[in-house]
Amino acid sequence: MKKLGKIIVAFISILLCLFYLFPFYIVIVNAFKNRKELYEDMLALPQTFTPEYFLKAFQTIMMPLLQVMGWVKDVTNIPMVNSLGGLIYMNVGFGASMAVFLYHGFIKTIPVSLEEAATIDGCNKFSVFWRIVFPILKPTTVTVMILDVIWIWNDYLLPLLILSKKELRTIPLSTSSFFGQFTNEWNLAMAGLLLTIVPVIIFYLAAQKYIVKGVAAGAVKM
């Protein structure tokens, strides 16, 4: 009887899980369908899997960002579009969420008693953070640096939308210019790709020991 009860509970649990995951299935399968397939049968699998609709939806997302940046220029008279400063500002905004997530998790593992002891010894709040807390955050700091450097260095879409002047192009943008409509300059493209890859590899190898440690430390006690 006990075994039968467990089977019934397991069966009901599976049904509840399927019921919970059903909306995710609808979203995933229909994200790959064209309009005709979508209207014919919402539950059927798509005939072909293509990232075309994801790319279109992502451009759509970036346009409001450019509008906001244009509004910032109108209000503050600080150029945000076609400006390296504007590109840096946007990258900081995009990367802040991951940094906050990692730092928040890791800081919660630092004992409060450590800060209290430093305060008793005469440290103010700034000294407690700079001399006690921040050095302990080294693995997380290096992890954030690695993740951001790899992402920003290889980013193509955001610089493409923001920078139109030739002298402001990043390496990925400059490399793409070697592939034209009528000819491809493979020698220049290979040199550009090498310039893109080598600095990131060197930086990664120099700091890789902190990646797993930093991510694991930042993920605890969330």
N, C-alpha and C. Protein backbone atom coordinates (compact mmCIF):
# COMPACT_ATOMS: atom_id res chain seq x y z
N MET A 1 0.84 -1.21 0.00
CA MET A 1 0.00 0.00 0.00
C MET A 1 0.87 1.26 0.00
N LYS A 2 1.96 1.19 0.78
CA LYS A 2 2.86 2.33 0.86
C LYS A 2 3.48 2.62 -0.50
N LYS A 3 3.87 1.52 -1.19
CA LYS A 3 4.49 1.66 -2.51
C LYS A 3 3.51 2.28 -3.51
N LEU A 4 2.27 1.86 -3.45
CA LEU A 4 1.24 2.41 -4.33
C LEU A 4 1.04 3.89 -4.08
N GLY A 5 1.08 4.29 -2.79
CA GLY A 5 0.95 5.71 -2.46
C GLY A 5 2.08 6.54 -3.02
N LYS A 6 3.30 5.99 -2.96
CA LYS A 6 4.45 6.70 -3.51
C LYS A 6 4.33 6.87 -5.03
N ILE A 7 3.83 5.81 -5.68
CA ILE A 7 3.65 5.88 -7.14
C ILE A 7 2.63 6.95 -7.51
N ILE A 8 1.54 7.00 -6.75
CA ILE A 8 0.50 8.00 -7.02
C ILE A 8 1.04 9.41 -6.82
N VAL A 9 1.80 9.60 -5.72
CA VAL A 9 2.39 10.91 -5.44
C VAL A 9 3.36 11.31 -6.54
N ALA A 10 4.19 10.35 -6.98
CA ALA A 10 5.14 10.63 -8.05
C ALA A 10 4.43 10.98 -9.35
N PHE A 11 3.35 10.25 -9.65
CA PHE A 11 2.58 10.51 -10.87
C PHE A 11 1.95 11.89 -10.84
N ILE A 12 1.37 12.25 -9.70
CA ILE A 12 0.75 13.58 -9.55
C ILE A 12 1.82 14.67 -9.66
N SER A 13 2.99 14.42 -9.07
CA SER A 13 4.08 15.40 -9.14
C SER A 13 4.53 15.62 -10.58
N ILE A 14 4.62 14.52 -11.34
CA ILE A 14 5.02 14.63 -12.75
C ILE A 14 3.98 15.43 -13.54
N LEU A 15 2.70 15.17 -13.27
CA LEU A 15 1.65 15.92 -13.95
C LEU A 15 1.70 17.41 -13.62
N LEU A 16 1.95 17.71 -12.36
CA LEU A 16 2.05 19.12 -11.95
C LEU A 16 3.25 19.79 -12.60
N CYS A 17 4.38 19.07 -12.69
CA CYS A 17 5.57 19.62 -13.34
C CYS A 17 5.32 19.89 -14.82
N LEU A 18 4.64 18.94 -15.48
CA LEU A 18 4.32 19.13 -16.90
C LEU A 18 3.38 20.31 -17.08
N PHE A 19 2.40 20.43 -16.19
CA PHE A 19 1.47 21.56 -16.24
C PHE A 19 2.20 22.88 -16.05
N TYR A 20 3.18 22.89 -15.13
CA TYR A 20 3.96 24.10 -14.86
C TYR A 20 4.86 24.46 -16.03
N LEU A 21 5.46 23.44 -16.68
CA LEU A 21 6.41 23.68 -17.76
C LEU A 21 5.73 23.88 -19.11
N PHE A 22 4.43 23.60 -19.20
CA PHE A 22 3.74 23.71 -20.49
C PHE A 22 3.84 25.11 -21.11
N PRO A 23 3.67 26.20 -20.36
CA PRO A 23 3.83 27.53 -20.96
C PRO A 23 5.24 27.75 -21.52
N PHE A 24 6.27 27.20 -20.85
CA PHE A 24 7.62 27.33 -21.37
C PHE A 24 7.76 26.61 -22.71
N TYR A 25 7.11 25.46 -22.82
CA TYR A 25 7.13 24.73 -24.09
C TYR A 25 6.49 25.56 -25.20
N ILE A 26 5.35 26.18 -24.90
CA ILE A 26 4.66 27.02 -25.88
C ILE A 26 5.56 28.16 -26.36
N VAL A 27 6.22 28.82 -25.40
CA VAL A 27 7.09 29.95 -25.76
C VAL A 27 8.27 29.48 -26.61
N ILE A 28 8.90 28.38 -26.21
CA ILE A 28 10.11 27.92 -26.90
C ILE A 28 9.81 27.48 -28.33
N VAL A 29 8.79 26.63 -28.51
CA VAL A 29 8.52 26.11 -29.86
C VAL A 29 8.02 27.19 -30.80
N ASN A 30 7.27 28.15 -30.28
CA ASN A 30 6.73 29.21 -31.15
C ASN A 30 7.73 30.31 -31.43
N ALA A 31 8.83 30.34 -30.66
CA ALA A 31 9.87 31.33 -30.93
C ALA A 31 10.61 31.04 -32.23
N PHE A 32 10.52 29.79 -32.72
CA PHE A 32 11.20 29.40 -33.94
C PHE A 32 10.26 29.34 -35.15
N LYS A 33 8.97 29.61 -34.97
CA LYS A 33 8.00 29.48 -36.07
C LYS A 33 7.77 30.80 -36.77
N ASN A 34 7.42 30.71 -38.07
CA ASN A 34 6.96 31.90 -38.76
C ASN A 34 5.47 32.09 -38.44
N ARG A 35 4.90 33.16 -38.96
CA ARG A 35 3.52 33.49 -38.59
C ARG A 35 2.53 32.43 -39.05
N LYS A 36 2.76 31.86 -40.24
CA LYS A 36 1.86 30.85 -40.77
C LYS A 36 1.85 29.61 -39.88
N GLU A 37 3.03 29.12 -39.51
CA GLU A 37 3.12 27.94 -38.64
C GLU A 37 2.48 28.20 -37.28
N LEU A 38 2.66 29.43 -36.78
CA LEU A 38 2.12 29.78 -35.46
C LEU A 38 0.61 29.70 -35.45
N TYR A 39 -0.04 30.20 -36.52
CA TYR A 39 -1.49 30.21 -36.57
C TYR A 39 -2.07 28.83 -36.90
N GLU A 40 -1.29 28.00 -37.60
CA GLU A 40 -1.78 26.67 -37.95
C GLU A 40 -1.86 25.75 -36.74
N ASP A 41 -0.79 25.74 -35.94
CA ASP A 41 -0.79 24.85 -34.77
C ASP A 41 0.24 25.37 -33.76
N MET A 42 -0.25 25.86 -32.65
CA MET A 42 0.65 26.43 -31.64
C MET A 42 1.43 25.35 -30.89
N LEU A 43 0.91 24.13 -30.89
CA LEU A 43 1.55 23.07 -30.10
C LEU A 43 2.57 22.27 -30.88
N ALA A 44 2.51 22.32 -32.21
CA ALA A 44 3.41 21.52 -33.03
C ALA A 44 4.82 22.07 -33.00
N LEU A 45 5.79 21.19 -33.27
CA LEU A 45 7.18 21.63 -33.37
C LEU A 45 7.38 22.41 -34.65
N PRO A 46 8.31 23.38 -34.66
CA PRO A 46 8.57 24.14 -35.89
C PRO A 46 9.17 23.26 -36.98
N GLN A 47 8.87 23.60 -38.23
CA GLN A 47 9.41 22.83 -39.36
C GLN A 47 10.92 22.99 -39.48
N THR A 48 11.41 24.19 -39.20
CA THR A 48 12.85 24.46 -39.23
C THR A 48 13.22 25.29 -38.01
N PHE A 49 14.41 25.07 -37.48
CA PHE A 49 14.92 25.85 -36.35
C PHE A 49 15.89 26.90 -36.87
N THR A 50 15.55 28.17 -36.69
CA THR A 50 16.40 29.25 -37.18
C THR A 50 16.45 30.36 -36.14
N PRO A 51 17.61 31.01 -35.95
CA PRO A 51 17.71 32.11 -34.98
C PRO A 51 17.25 33.45 -35.53
N GLU A 52 16.64 33.42 -36.72
CA GLU A 52 16.28 34.68 -37.40
C GLU A 52 15.38 35.56 -36.53
N TYR A 53 14.39 34.96 -35.89
CA TYR A 53 13.42 35.75 -35.12
C TYR A 53 14.03 36.28 -33.83
N PHE A 54 15.01 35.56 -33.27
CA PHE A 54 15.72 36.05 -32.10
C PHE A 54 16.53 37.30 -32.44
N LEU A 55 17.17 37.27 -33.61
CA LEU A 55 17.98 38.41 -34.04
C LEU A 55 17.10 39.64 -34.27
N LYS A 56 15.95 39.43 -34.89
CA LYS A 56 15.06 40.56 -35.13
C LYS A 56 14.54 41.15 -33.83
N ALA A 57 14.17 40.26 -32.89
CA ALA A 57 13.67 40.74 -31.60
C ALA A 57 14.75 41.50 -30.84
N PHE A 58 16.03 41.01 -30.93
CA PHE A 58 17.14 41.68 -30.25
C PHE A 58 17.39 43.06 -30.90
N GLN A 59 17.42 43.31 -32.18
CA GLN A 59 17.58 44.67 -32.75
C GLN A 59 16.52 45.61 -32.19
N THR A 60 15.24 45.11 -32.22
CA THR A 60 14.06 45.79 -31.64
C THR A 60 14.33 46.25 -30.21
N ILE A 61 15.05 45.41 -29.43
CA ILE A 61 15.34 45.77 -28.04
C ILE A 61 16.37 46.89 -27.97
N MET A 62 17.32 46.90 -28.90
CA MET A 62 18.41 47.88 -28.84
C MET A 62 17.95 49.27 -29.26
N MET A 63 16.92 49.37 -30.10
CA MET A 63 16.50 50.68 -30.58
C MET A 63 16.03 51.61 -29.46
N PRO A 64 15.21 51.13 -28.50
CA PRO A 64 14.86 52.02 -27.38
C PRO A 64 16.09 52.51 -26.61
N LEU A 65 17.13 51.67 -26.53
CA LEU A 65 18.36 52.09 -25.86
C LEU A 65 18.97 53.29 -26.58
N LEU A 66 19.01 53.22 -27.89
CA LEU A 66 19.55 54.34 -28.66
C LEU A 66 18.69 55.60 -28.49
N GLN A 67 17.39 55.42 -28.39
CA GLN A 67 16.51 56.57 -28.17
C GLN A 67 16.77 57.21 -26.81
N VAL A 68 17.00 56.37 -25.80
CA VAL A 68 17.31 56.89 -24.47
C VAL A 68 18.64 57.66 -24.50
N MET A 69 19.62 57.10 -25.20
CA MET A 69 20.91 57.78 -25.30
C MET A 69 20.80 59.12 -26.02
N GLY A 70 19.92 59.16 -27.03
CA GLY A 70 19.66 60.44 -27.70
C GLY A 70 19.00 61.44 -26.77
N TRP A 71 18.09 60.94 -25.92
CA TRP A 71 17.44 61.82 -24.95
C TRP A 71 18.45 62.36 -23.93
N VAL A 72 19.39 61.52 -23.50
CA VAL A 72 20.43 61.97 -22.57
C VAL A 72 21.25 63.09 -23.18
N LYS A 73 21.57 62.98 -24.45
CA LYS A 73 22.34 64.04 -25.13
C LYS A 73 21.54 65.33 -25.19
N ASP A 74 20.22 65.21 -25.46
CA ASP A 74 19.39 66.42 -25.54
C ASP A 74 19.29 67.13 -24.20
N VAL A 75 19.26 66.35 -23.12
CA VAL A 75 19.09 66.95 -21.79
C VAL A 75 20.40 67.46 -21.22
N THR A 76 21.47 66.67 -21.34
CA THR A 76 22.75 67.00 -20.70
C THR A 76 23.78 67.58 -21.66
N ASN A 77 23.49 67.50 -22.97
CA ASN A 77 24.43 67.95 -24.00
C ASN A 77 25.73 67.13 -24.00
N ILE A 78 25.65 65.91 -23.44
CA ILE A 78 26.79 65.00 -23.45
C ILE A 78 26.56 63.96 -24.54
N PRO A 79 27.43 63.90 -25.54
CA PRO A 79 27.22 62.95 -26.64
C PRO A 79 27.34 61.51 -26.17
N MET A 80 26.30 60.73 -26.43
CA MET A 80 26.30 59.33 -26.04
C MET A 80 26.44 58.40 -27.24
N VAL A 81 25.85 58.82 -28.38
CA VAL A 81 25.95 58.04 -29.60
C VAL A 81 27.15 58.54 -30.40
N ASN A 82 27.85 57.62 -31.06
CA ASN A 82 29.06 57.96 -31.81
C ASN A 82 30.12 58.56 -30.90
N SER A 83 30.23 57.96 -29.72
CA SER A 83 31.19 58.44 -28.73
C SER A 83 31.70 57.25 -27.92
N LEU A 84 33.01 57.19 -27.73
CA LEU A 84 33.58 56.11 -26.92
C LEU A 84 33.11 56.21 -25.47
N GLY A 85 32.93 57.45 -24.99
CA GLY A 85 32.43 57.64 -23.64
C GLY A 85 31.03 57.07 -23.47
N GLY A 86 30.18 57.27 -24.47
CA GLY A 86 28.83 56.71 -24.44
C GLY A 86 28.85 55.20 -24.46
N LEU A 87 29.76 54.63 -25.27
CA LEU A 87 29.88 53.18 -25.34
C LEU A 87 30.33 52.61 -24.00
N ILE A 88 31.29 53.26 -23.36
CA ILE A 88 31.76 52.82 -22.04
C ILE A 88 30.63 52.89 -21.02
N TYR A 89 29.87 53.97 -21.07
CA TYR A 89 28.75 54.14 -20.14
C TYR A 89 27.73 53.01 -20.28
N MET A 90 27.42 52.64 -21.52
CA MET A 90 26.45 51.56 -21.76
C MET A 90 27.00 50.21 -21.31
N ASN A 91 28.28 49.98 -21.55
CA ASN A 91 28.88 48.71 -21.13
C ASN A 91 28.88 48.58 -19.61
N VAL A 92 29.13 49.69 -18.93
CA VAL A 92 29.08 49.67 -17.46
C VAL A 92 27.68 49.31 -16.99
N GLY A 93 26.68 49.88 -17.65
CA GLY A 93 25.30 49.58 -17.28
C GLY A 93 24.94 48.13 -17.51
N PHE A 94 25.35 47.58 -18.66
CA PHE A 94 25.04 46.19 -18.97
C PHE A 94 25.77 45.22 -18.05
N GLY A 95 26.99 45.57 -17.64
CA GLY A 95 27.78 44.67 -16.82
C GLY A 95 27.54 44.79 -15.33
N ALA A 96 26.82 45.83 -14.91
CA ALA A 96 26.65 46.07 -13.48
C ALA A 96 25.87 44.96 -12.79
N SER A 97 24.86 44.41 -13.46
CA SER A 97 24.01 43.41 -12.80
C SER A 97 24.79 42.17 -12.38
N MET A 98 25.64 41.66 -13.26
CA MET A 98 26.45 40.49 -12.92
C MET A 98 27.42 40.80 -11.78
N ALA A 99 28.04 41.98 -11.83
CA ALA A 99 28.97 42.36 -10.77
C ALA A 99 28.27 42.44 -9.42
N VAL A 100 27.09 43.06 -9.40
CA VAL A 100 26.32 43.18 -8.15
C VAL A 100 25.94 41.80 -7.63
N PHE A 101 25.54 40.91 -8.53
CA PHE A 101 25.15 39.55 -8.14
C PHE A 101 26.32 38.82 -7.47
N LEU A 102 27.50 38.89 -8.08
CA LEU A 102 28.66 38.18 -7.53
C LEU A 102 29.14 38.81 -6.23
N TYR A 103 29.26 40.14 -6.22
CA TYR A 103 29.75 40.81 -5.01
C TYR A 103 28.78 40.63 -3.84
N HIS A 104 27.49 40.72 -4.13
CA HIS A 104 26.50 40.59 -3.06
C HIS A 104 26.60 39.23 -2.38
N GLY A 105 26.72 38.18 -3.19
CA GLY A 105 26.82 36.84 -2.62
C GLY A 105 28.08 36.63 -1.82
N PHE A 106 29.20 37.18 -2.31
CA PHE A 106 30.47 36.95 -1.62
C PHE A 106 30.58 37.77 -0.34
N ILE A 107 30.12 39.02 -0.37
CA ILE A 107 30.20 39.88 0.81
C ILE A 107 29.41 39.29 1.97
N LYS A 108 28.33 38.59 1.68
CA LYS A 108 27.52 37.99 2.74
C LYS A 108 28.26 36.87 3.48
N THR A 109 29.35 36.36 2.87
CA THR A 109 30.11 35.30 3.54
C THR A 109 31.16 35.86 4.49
N ILE A 110 31.41 37.17 4.43
CA ILE A 110 32.42 37.78 5.30
C ILE A 110 31.82 37.99 6.70
N PRO A 111 32.43 37.47 7.72
CA PRO A 111 31.86 37.60 9.08
C PRO A 111 31.76 39.06 9.51
N VAL A 112 30.64 39.41 10.10
CA VAL A 112 30.46 40.76 10.63
C VAL A 112 31.44 41.03 11.76
N SER A 113 31.80 39.99 12.50
CA SER A 113 32.73 40.15 13.61
C SER A 113 34.08 40.70 13.13
N LEU A 114 34.46 40.38 11.90
CA LEU A 114 35.72 40.89 11.34
C LEU A 114 35.65 42.40 11.19
N GLU A 115 34.54 42.90 10.72
CA GLU A 115 34.36 44.35 10.57
C GLU A 115 34.27 45.02 11.94
N GLU A 116 33.58 44.36 12.86
CA GLU A 116 33.45 44.93 14.21
C GLU A 116 34.80 45.03 14.89
N ALA A 117 35.65 44.01 14.69
CA ALA A 117 36.99 44.05 15.30
C ALA A 117 37.81 45.19 14.73
N ALA A 118 37.70 45.42 13.41
CA ALA A 118 38.44 46.52 12.79
C ALA A 118 37.92 47.86 13.29
N THR A 119 36.61 47.96 13.51
CA THR A 119 36.03 49.21 14.03
C THR A 119 36.52 49.49 15.44
N ILE A 120 36.59 48.45 16.25
CA ILE A 120 37.09 48.60 17.62
C ILE A 120 38.55 49.07 17.61
N ASP A 121 39.32 48.61 16.62
CA ASP A 121 40.72 49.01 16.51
C ASP A 121 40.90 50.43 15.97
N GLY A 122 39.80 51.09 15.64
CA GLY A 122 39.89 52.49 15.24
C GLY A 122 39.65 52.77 13.78
N CYS A 123 39.26 51.78 13.00
CA CYS A 123 38.99 52.00 11.57
C CYS A 123 37.61 52.60 11.38
N ASN A 124 37.54 53.59 10.47
CA ASN A 124 36.22 54.09 10.09
C ASN A 124 35.65 53.17 9.00
N LYS A 125 34.44 53.48 8.51
CA LYS A 125 33.78 52.60 7.56
C LYS A 125 34.57 52.46 6.26
N PHE A 126 35.16 53.56 5.80
CA PHE A 126 35.94 53.51 4.58
C PHE A 126 37.17 52.62 4.76
N SER A 127 37.84 52.77 5.88
CA SER A 127 39.03 51.96 6.15
C SER A 127 38.67 50.49 6.30
N VAL A 128 37.52 50.21 6.93
CA VAL A 128 37.09 48.82 7.08
C VAL A 128 36.90 48.18 5.71
N PHE A 129 36.24 48.92 4.82
CA PHE A 129 36.02 48.36 3.49
C PHE A 129 37.31 48.23 2.72
N TRP A 130 38.13 49.30 2.68
CA TRP A 130 39.31 49.31 1.82
C TRP A 130 40.43 48.38 2.32
N ARG A 131 40.60 48.32 3.65
CA ARG A 131 41.71 47.54 4.21
C ARG A 131 41.33 46.11 4.60
N ILE A 132 40.05 45.89 4.91
CA ILE A 132 39.64 44.58 5.40
C ILE A 132 38.79 43.83 4.37
N VAL A 133 37.70 44.46 3.93
CA VAL A 133 36.74 43.76 3.08
C VAL A 133 37.23 43.63 1.64
N PHE A 134 37.70 44.73 1.07
CA PHE A 134 38.06 44.72 -0.35
C PHE A 134 39.17 43.70 -0.69
N PRO A 135 40.23 43.59 0.14
CA PRO A 135 41.23 42.56 -0.18
C PRO A 135 40.66 41.14 -0.20
N ILE A 136 39.64 40.87 0.64
CA ILE A 136 39.03 39.55 0.64
C ILE A 136 38.22 39.33 -0.65
N LEU A 137 37.80 40.43 -1.28
CA LEU A 137 36.99 40.34 -2.49
C LEU A 137 37.83 40.13 -3.75
N LYS A 138 39.12 39.89 -3.61
CA LYS A 138 39.99 39.77 -4.78
C LYS A 138 39.53 38.72 -5.78
N PRO A 139 39.16 37.50 -5.37
CA PRO A 139 38.70 36.52 -6.36
C PRO A 139 37.49 36.98 -7.15
N THR A 140 36.52 37.61 -6.46
CA THR A 140 35.33 38.10 -7.15
C THR A 140 35.68 39.25 -8.08
N THR A 141 36.57 40.14 -7.64
CA THR A 141 36.97 41.27 -8.47
C THR A 141 37.63 40.80 -9.76
N VAL A 142 38.54 39.85 -9.64
CA VAL A 142 39.21 39.32 -10.83
C VAL A 142 38.22 38.60 -11.74
N THR A 143 37.27 37.88 -11.16
CA THR A 143 36.26 37.18 -11.95
C THR A 143 35.42 38.16 -12.75
N VAL A 144 34.97 39.24 -12.11
CA VAL A 144 34.20 40.27 -12.80
C VAL A 144 35.02 40.89 -13.92
N MET A 145 36.28 41.16 -13.65
CA MET A 145 37.16 41.73 -14.68
C MET A 145 37.28 40.79 -15.88
N ILE A 146 37.48 39.51 -15.62
CA ILE A 146 37.65 38.54 -16.71
C ILE A 146 36.39 38.46 -17.56
N LEU A 147 35.25 38.30 -16.91
CA LEU A 147 33.99 38.17 -17.64
C LEU A 147 33.69 39.42 -18.46
N ASP A 148 33.94 40.59 -17.88
CA ASP A 148 33.65 41.84 -18.59
C ASP A 148 34.64 42.07 -19.73
N VAL A 149 35.91 41.77 -19.51
CA VAL A 149 36.91 41.99 -20.56
C VAL A 149 36.61 41.10 -21.76
N ILE A 150 36.32 39.82 -21.52
CA ILE A 150 36.03 38.90 -22.63
C ILE A 150 34.79 39.35 -23.39
N TRP A 151 33.77 39.76 -22.66
CA TRP A 151 32.52 40.18 -23.31
C TRP A 151 32.68 41.49 -24.07
N ILE A 152 33.25 42.50 -23.42
CA ILE A 152 33.36 43.82 -24.04
C ILE A 152 34.35 43.81 -25.20
N TRP A 153 35.46 43.10 -25.04
CA TRP A 153 36.48 43.06 -26.08
C TRP A 153 35.95 42.45 -27.37
N ASN A 154 35.07 41.44 -27.22
CA ASN A 154 34.55 40.74 -28.40
C ASN A 154 33.17 41.24 -28.84
N ASP A 155 32.63 42.23 -28.16
CA ASP A 155 31.29 42.70 -28.49
C ASP A 155 31.25 43.33 -29.88
N TYR A 156 30.22 42.98 -30.62
CA TYR A 156 30.09 43.50 -31.98
C TYR A 156 28.83 44.35 -32.16
N LEU A 157 27.72 43.88 -31.61
CA LEU A 157 26.44 44.53 -31.88
C LEU A 157 26.36 45.94 -31.34
N LEU A 158 26.67 46.13 -30.06
CA LEU A 158 26.54 47.45 -29.45
C LEU A 158 27.45 48.48 -30.11
N PRO A 159 28.75 48.19 -30.31
CA PRO A 159 29.58 49.18 -31.05
C PRO A 159 29.07 49.44 -32.46
N LEU A 160 28.50 48.42 -33.11
CA LEU A 160 27.96 48.62 -34.46
C LEU A 160 26.82 49.63 -34.47
N LEU A 161 25.99 49.59 -33.43
CA LEU A 161 24.87 50.51 -33.34
C LEU A 161 25.28 51.90 -32.88
N ILE A 162 26.31 51.96 -32.05
CA ILE A 162 26.68 53.23 -31.42
C ILE A 162 27.70 54.01 -32.26
N LEU A 163 28.68 53.31 -32.82
CA LEU A 163 29.81 53.97 -33.48
C LEU A 163 29.68 53.89 -34.99
N SER A 164 29.62 55.05 -35.64
CA SER A 164 29.57 55.06 -37.10
C SER A 164 30.84 55.66 -37.71
N LYS A 165 31.58 56.44 -36.93
CA LYS A 165 32.82 57.03 -37.44
C LYS A 165 33.90 55.95 -37.55
N LYS A 166 34.64 56.00 -38.65
CA LYS A 166 35.64 54.98 -38.91
C LYS A 166 36.74 54.98 -37.86
N GLU A 167 37.12 56.16 -37.38
CA GLU A 167 38.22 56.25 -36.41
C GLU A 167 37.83 55.75 -35.03
N LEU A 168 36.55 55.55 -34.78
CA LEU A 168 36.10 55.08 -33.48
C LEU A 168 35.82 53.58 -33.45
N ARG A 169 35.98 52.90 -34.57
CA ARG A 169 35.65 51.48 -34.66
C ARG A 169 36.48 50.64 -33.69
N THR A 170 35.82 49.66 -33.10
CA THR A 170 36.54 48.68 -32.29
C THR A 170 37.15 47.62 -33.21
N ILE A 171 37.99 46.74 -32.65
CA ILE A 171 38.64 45.72 -33.49
C ILE A 171 37.63 44.80 -34.18
N PRO A 172 36.58 44.29 -33.50
CA PRO A 172 35.60 43.48 -34.22
C PRO A 172 34.94 44.20 -35.38
N LEU A 173 34.64 45.50 -35.21
CA LEU A 173 34.05 46.27 -36.30
C LEU A 173 35.03 46.44 -37.46
N SER A 174 36.26 46.75 -37.13
CA SER A 174 37.28 46.91 -38.18
C SER A 174 37.51 45.60 -38.91
N THR A 175 37.50 44.49 -38.19
CA THR A 175 37.71 43.19 -38.82
C THR A 175 36.58 42.87 -39.80
N SER A 176 35.36 43.22 -39.44
CA SER A 176 34.23 42.93 -40.33
C SER A 176 34.30 43.71 -41.62
N SER A 177 34.98 44.85 -41.60
CA SER A 177 35.09 45.67 -42.81
C SER A 177 35.97 45.02 -43.87
N PHE A 178 36.74 44.00 -43.51
CA PHE A 178 37.59 43.31 -44.48
C PHE A 178 36.79 42.35 -45.37
N PHE A 179 35.52 42.12 -44.98
CA PHE A 179 34.66 41.24 -45.79
C PHE A 179 33.67 42.12 -46.54
N GLY A 180 33.95 42.36 -47.82
CA GLY A 180 33.12 43.23 -48.63
C GLY A 180 32.15 42.46 -49.50
N GLN A 181 31.40 43.20 -50.33
CA GLN A 181 30.41 42.58 -51.20
C GLN A 181 31.05 41.83 -52.36
N PHE A 182 32.19 42.35 -52.83
CA PHE A 182 32.81 41.77 -54.01
C PHE A 182 34.14 41.07 -53.73
N THR A 183 34.75 41.35 -52.58
CA THR A 183 36.03 40.72 -52.27
C THR A 183 36.20 40.57 -50.77
N ASN A 184 36.97 39.57 -50.38
CA ASN A 184 37.29 39.33 -48.97
C ASN A 184 38.80 39.39 -48.79
N GLU A 185 39.25 40.29 -47.91
CA GLU A 185 40.69 40.41 -47.64
C GLU A 185 41.03 39.48 -46.47
N TRP A 186 41.26 38.22 -46.80
CA TRP A 186 41.45 37.21 -45.77
C TRP A 186 42.72 37.43 -44.96
N ASN A 187 43.78 37.94 -45.60
CA ASN A 187 45.02 38.16 -44.86
C ASN A 187 44.82 39.22 -43.77
N LEU A 188 44.14 40.30 -44.12
CA LEU A 188 43.87 41.34 -43.12
C LEU A 188 42.87 40.84 -42.07
N ALA A 189 41.91 40.04 -42.51
CA ALA A 189 40.92 39.51 -41.57
C ALA A 189 41.58 38.58 -40.55
N MET A 190 42.50 37.73 -41.02
CA MET A 190 43.19 36.82 -40.11
C MET A 190 44.06 37.59 -39.11
N ALA A 191 44.71 38.65 -39.59
CA ALA A 191 45.53 39.48 -38.70
C ALA A 191 44.64 40.17 -37.65
N GLY A 192 43.48 40.66 -38.11
CA GLY A 192 42.57 41.31 -37.17
C GLY A 192 42.01 40.34 -36.14
N LEU A 193 41.68 39.13 -36.59
CA LEU A 193 41.19 38.11 -35.65
C LEU A 193 42.25 37.73 -34.62
N LEU A 194 43.49 37.68 -35.08
CA LEU A 194 44.58 37.35 -34.16
C LEU A 194 44.74 38.44 -33.11
N LEU A 195 44.64 39.70 -33.55
CA LEU A 195 44.71 40.82 -32.60
C LEU A 195 43.54 40.77 -31.62
N THR A 196 42.42 40.25 -32.05
CA THR A 196 41.26 40.16 -31.17
C THR A 196 41.40 39.05 -30.15
N ILE A 197 41.95 37.91 -30.58
CA ILE A 197 41.97 36.72 -29.73
C ILE A 197 43.12 36.73 -28.73
N VAL A 198 44.32 37.09 -29.17
CA VAL A 198 45.52 36.93 -28.35
C VAL A 198 45.46 37.68 -27.02
N PRO A 199 45.09 38.98 -26.98
CA PRO A 199 45.06 39.67 -25.68
C PRO A 199 44.10 39.02 -24.68
N VAL A 200 42.95 38.55 -25.18
CA VAL A 200 41.97 37.92 -24.28
C VAL A 200 42.51 36.61 -23.73
N ILE A 201 43.17 35.83 -24.58
CA ILE A 201 43.75 34.56 -24.13
C ILE A 201 44.81 34.79 -23.07
N ILE A 202 45.69 35.77 -23.31
CA ILE A 202 46.75 36.08 -22.35
C ILE A 202 46.16 36.51 -21.01
N PHE A 203 45.16 37.38 -21.07
CA PHE A 203 44.51 37.87 -19.85
C PHE A 203 43.82 36.72 -19.12
N TYR A 204 43.16 35.87 -19.87
CA TYR A 204 42.44 34.74 -19.27
C TYR A 204 43.41 33.77 -18.58
N LEU A 205 44.51 33.44 -19.27
CA LEU A 205 45.47 32.50 -18.70
C LEU A 205 46.12 33.06 -17.44
N ALA A 206 46.31 34.38 -17.43
CA ALA A 206 46.96 35.01 -16.29
C ALA A 206 46.05 35.03 -15.05
N ALA A 207 44.74 34.98 -15.28
CA ALA A 207 43.83 35.13 -14.14
C ALA A 207 42.83 34.01 -14.01
N GLN A 208 43.01 32.90 -14.74
CA GLN A 208 41.99 31.85 -14.77
C GLN A 208 41.78 31.18 -13.42
N LYS A 209 42.81 31.16 -12.56
CA LYS A 209 42.66 30.46 -11.28
C LYS A 209 41.62 31.12 -10.38
N TYR A 210 41.28 32.38 -10.68
CA TYR A 210 40.31 33.07 -9.85
C TYR A 210 38.88 32.87 -10.33
N ILE A 211 38.68 32.35 -11.56
CA ILE A 211 37.35 32.32 -12.14
C ILE A 211 36.41 31.43 -11.34
N VAL A 212 36.73 30.14 -11.22
CA VAL A 212 35.87 29.20 -10.52
C VAL A 212 35.71 29.60 -9.05
N LYS A 213 36.83 29.99 -8.46
CA LYS A 213 36.80 30.39 -7.05
C LYS A 213 35.89 31.59 -6.83
N GLY A 214 36.00 32.58 -7.72
CA GLY A 214 35.21 33.79 -7.58
C GLY A 214 33.73 33.56 -7.83
N VAL A 215 33.41 32.79 -8.88
CA VAL A 215 32.01 32.51 -9.18
C VAL A 215 31.37 31.69 -8.08
N ALA A 216 32.09 30.67 -7.59
CA ALA A 216 31.55 29.83 -6.52
C ALA A 216 31.35 30.64 -5.24
N ALA A 217 32.29 31.52 -4.94
CA ALA A 217 32.18 32.32 -3.72
C ALA A 217 31.03 33.32 -3.84
N GLY A 218 30.84 33.87 -5.04
CA GLY A 218 29.78 34.84 -5.24
C GLY A 218 28.39 34.23 -5.28
N ALA A 219 28.32 32.91 -5.46
CA ALA A 219 27.03 32.25 -5.60
C ALA A 219 26.51 31.72 -4.27
N VAL A 220 27.30 31.71 -3.22
CA VAL A 220 26.86 31.14 -1.95
C VAL A 220 25.99 32.13 -1.19
N LYS A 221 25.15 31.58 -0.34
CA LYS A 221 24.29 32.37 0.55
C LYS A 221 23.44 33.38 -0.21
N MET A 222 22.97 33.00 -1.43
CA MET A 222 22.09 33.89 -2.16
C MET A 222 20.63 33.66 -1.73
